[in-house]
Amino acid sequence: MAVKLNKNNTGLTVGLFIGLMHVVWSFLVSVGYAQSYLDMVYRFHFLNNPPVVLPFMLNDAVKLVVFAAVMGYAMGFVFAFIWNKGYGRD
């Protein structure tokens, strides 16, 4: 028996997770470790690293985290809606 997902709870969970990932990214930028992290990840994928991390700006970091969390909520909500239509008891 498939489990029905609560669309709001799923959206909040995914939104929180993605928002927190972007808080970590903003922290890496603010302490100066983001560029070396990008260099490492690109190297693992056999790619050259053309992007350059810009200086940290708090207002841009807040906008990034809020936007990512809202989009994460939307993705979780849509995922739960589709899941419930295909497998749940909606």
Protein backbone atom coordinates (compact mmCIF):
# COMPACT_ATOMS: atom_id res chain seq x y z
CA MET A 1 0.00 0.00 0.00
CA ALA A 2 1.42 3.36 -1.04
CA VAL A 3 1.54 6.22 1.44
CA LYS A 4 -0.26 9.48 0.72
CA LEU A 5 2.04 12.48 1.09
CA ASN A 6 0.91 15.70 2.71
CA LYS A 7 1.62 18.32 0.04
CA ASN A 8 2.28 21.14 2.50
CA ASN A 9 4.58 19.10 4.74
CA THR A 10 6.50 17.75 1.76
CA GLY A 11 6.86 21.26 0.34
CA LEU A 12 8.06 22.62 3.68
CA THR A 13 10.57 19.79 4.12
CA VAL A 14 12.08 20.15 0.65
CA GLY A 15 12.03 23.96 0.91
CA LEU A 16 13.79 23.86 4.28
CA PHE A 17 16.42 21.43 3.01
CA ILE A 18 17.19 23.44 -0.13
CA GLY A 19 17.12 26.70 1.83
CA LEU A 20 19.64 25.29 4.34
CA MET A 21 21.91 24.13 1.51
CA HIS A 22 21.98 27.72 0.28
CA VAL A 23 22.67 29.02 3.78
CA VAL A 24 25.74 26.76 3.80
CA TRP A 25 26.75 28.05 0.36
CA SER A 26 26.35 31.66 1.53
CA PHE A 27 28.49 30.86 4.57
CA LEU A 28 31.21 29.37 2.32
CA VAL A 29 31.16 32.55 0.22
CA SER A 30 31.33 34.78 3.30
CA VAL A 31 34.38 32.99 4.75
CA GLY A 32 36.18 32.72 1.41
CA TYR A 33 36.02 28.94 0.83
CA ALA A 34 33.47 28.87 -2.00
CA GLN A 35 35.93 29.29 -4.88
CA SER A 36 38.16 26.42 -3.73
CA TYR A 37 35.07 24.25 -3.27
CA LEU A 38 33.91 25.04 -6.82
CA ASP A 39 37.38 24.33 -8.17
CA MET A 40 37.36 20.91 -6.47
CA VAL A 41 33.87 19.96 -7.68
CA TYR A 42 34.64 20.99 -11.26
CA ARG A 43 37.91 19.04 -11.17
CA PHE A 44 36.03 15.91 -10.01
CA HIS A 45 33.85 16.22 -13.12
CA PHE A 46 36.82 16.73 -15.46
CA LEU A 47 35.78 20.32 -16.15
CA ASN A 48 37.59 23.60 -16.22
CA ASN A 49 36.23 26.18 -13.81
CA PRO A 50 35.22 29.38 -15.60
CA PRO A 51 32.83 30.74 -12.89
CA VAL A 52 34.33 33.10 -10.33
CA VAL A 53 32.75 33.59 -6.92
CA LEU A 54 31.90 37.23 -6.29
CA PRO A 55 32.34 39.00 -2.95
CA PHE A 56 29.77 38.22 -0.26
CA MET A 57 26.78 40.58 -0.05
CA LEU A 58 24.29 39.95 2.75
CA ASN A 59 21.22 41.22 0.86
CA ASP A 60 22.01 38.93 -2.10
CA ALA A 61 22.55 35.99 0.26
CA VAL A 62 19.15 36.57 1.88
CA LYS A 63 17.47 36.79 -1.54
CA LEU A 64 19.23 33.57 -2.61
CA VAL A 65 18.12 31.63 0.46
CA VAL A 66 14.51 32.88 0.30
CA PHE A 67 14.22 32.19 -3.44
CA ALA A 68 15.73 28.71 -3.08
CA ALA A 69 13.43 27.86 -0.17
CA VAL A 70 10.32 29.04 -2.04
CA MET A 71 11.30 27.08 -5.14
CA GLY A 72 12.05 24.04 -2.96
CA TYR A 73 8.60 24.33 -1.39
CA ALA A 74 7.02 24.47 -4.85
CA MET A 75 9.00 21.43 -6.03
CA GLY A 76 8.04 19.44 -2.93
CA PHE A 77 4.39 20.44 -3.24
CA VAL A 78 4.27 19.43 -6.92
CA PHE A 79 6.13 16.18 -6.20
CA ALA A 80 3.61 15.24 -3.47
CA PHE A 81 0.69 16.16 -5.76
CA ILE A 82 2.03 13.93 -8.54
CA TRP A 83 2.87 11.15 -6.08
CA ASN A 84 -0.62 11.21 -4.63
CA LYS A 85 -2.22 11.09 -8.09
CA GLY A 86 -0.12 8.09 -9.11
CA TYR A 87 0.40 6.15 -5.90
CA GLY A 88 -1.44 7.72 -3.00
CA ARG A 89 -5.05 7.79 -2.02
CA ASP A 90 -5.89 11.35 -3.11
